Structures are given as C-alpha cells and as structure tokens.
C-alpha cells in the first residue's frame, strides 16, 4: 500500500506541522457538516490522491473524486476550465484541498462549485497564503486573507468560517527550511526537517489565531451556497 503522507505524515516529514493541522481542520469541518446526516453526497473537486478519503468516506453517503483526466484515481473528469458534466444542484458538500492555486481561472472553478452545490450546500476549501512554488501540473496563485475572502464572496458564496494555519513567524521558518533543504544531501533532510518542524510548531505559538486568520501559510474556509 502506498504511503499516505498527507493523512499520516512522519515526524521527519518536511511539512509535518502544516499537514497535520490541515488534516485535522479539514476532517473536523467534515464531521461538523455530517454530524446530523451521514447520507450527504460529497464531491472532492480536484481530488488528486484523495488522501483523506479513508476517514471522510464513511461519514458520507457518497464520495466522488473529480479531477483532470491525467489523474487515474478520479471517477469523473474535468478539463482545465474546471467544467464538469454534473447536473445543477448535485451535491451537498464540495471538498477542495490545495486546489485553487493550481487552476487556470479561480473564478471559473468557484462558479462551477456553486453550480453543482445544492442550495444551502457547503464548500470546504483550503489554499495558500505564503508558500513555495509547486506545480502539479501548474501553480499560479497565492492570496492574502482579504483577497481570498473577496474572490470567494464575489462568486456568490457566504463565508461561514475562515481559519489560518501557520502564522507569519512559522511561515517564515517553513520557507527558510524549504530554501535550505533543497541544498542538503538527501540523507540529511529528515533530521533537518525534524528540528525545523519543531521550531515551526514552537514559533507558530507566537501569533494568536486571530492573527493567523489574517496572515498565514494556508487558509481553510467553509463557505455556503445561499438557499
């Protein structure tokens, strides 16, 4: 079985702090949305490897992975314009983890998400504030918290929660680690990551959650399609 480092990262992983916090925040939001109803239809929009599927799928009635045709794990395919052939008002929840920075047109992606969501349905979306360049296959965008709020609300969503992961000091250390790590021999990367991730975790405590919500490496947003 392939190692699922997004779901269970090693303490030697160079993204240990962000991956664990992103996982916990995402799954917690899914649990809140499905607590009273386990029959909801969830679309993982830009699904990639679907790292959280083993935990999320039992909480839903149906889990559908949607992605580009280059992803053999996807169950429904889209093109680079983010358009699907799914019907209007199709699903109850859309999960979008670390996708928005990779799409050609974020507004078009959000418009399609709004179209296929049922009225009152929820979008759980995470994307980057401060982060390194990582094309998969492309990497186009970074946001301030205000800019991300603006683009999501501009497409008709109502934002219910907005949560920042890694404050400014911790984000700086993460970027420092990434800049140094690429120059290290491969065998030195795990111990270096262990030390750096301990520092990232420590310095993340400098900023309050309110400050992280304004200025962070990753933002996790829950937005709703109006009834």
Foldseek 3Di string as FASTA:
>chain_A
DDDLCLQPNDLLDLCVQVSVVVNVVVVVVLCVVLVPPQAFEEEAQQCAPVSCCVPNVSSYNYYAYEHDPVRPVHPFYDDLLSAGPAQFQAGQEYEAEAPLQAGPDNLSNLLRVLGNHHAFGKYKHKHFAQDDADPPPHGHDHDFLVRVVVSNVVSAWAWDDKWAGQADVLSVLSVVLVVVLVVDDPVVSSVSSSVSVVVSVVVSVVDDRVRRSRGHGMMIIMIGHHD
